[in-house]
């Protein structure tokens, strides 16, 4: 059963809009600027500074899938892969390479200190293990929840995504990598930057529950909205 993400996304968007509304001009900080510059972010730093390095010579197309996705193509129609993301002037889309593969781009649900977006979890790994029957592949599949290289399938990846489709990027980091929204990743951030909120989180009965994770992610971003 798919989680009810509409309300959660709306709350996130509201928080983001409140943060953006504090700025009355175009700035070089993607978290506070009122307007997004149109173009392709070649690097994480270009993304954070609202400074796309490529502003022409490409087209944006819709890609199919369970989640909203886009593709970039150059003037010759070749798919653009080796970039961090892009903005269409209204929204920001991240290259799936920050967590999985480089074939498409997904939209950010909310910009904040912990930036949040949604997509299938481990799609590339799930597909790879379908044909990986080596001892190493079988071991990896078992660790990921399957018995051998063919049991951990794309369907399993979709099931997990419906339970928790969340991915996060901690903006103060320098690498720009994305991580699955989980008890472990959220605890790691709270442990370093908000021990009081961590204490509350640790009192929760089910710290792996998607709604619980979102509750504390939203609260952390609310408390750090001026960052």
Foldseek 3Di string as FASTA:
>chain_A
DFDPCPVLLVLQVVLQVVQCVVDDAAFQALSHHVKAQFAFAQALSCNRGSHHPGHDQKDKDWDDDPATKIWIAGPVRHTDFNGQWGDRTPWTWGACVLAEGGGITHTFSHDFQKTKGFDFHHQRLQDVLLPPQDPVSQVVVVVVPARGSRGSHNVVSVVVRSQARMKIFRSVDDHRHIDGQALVVVLVVCVPPPVPLNVVLVPDPDNGGRVSSSVSVSVVRSVRSVD
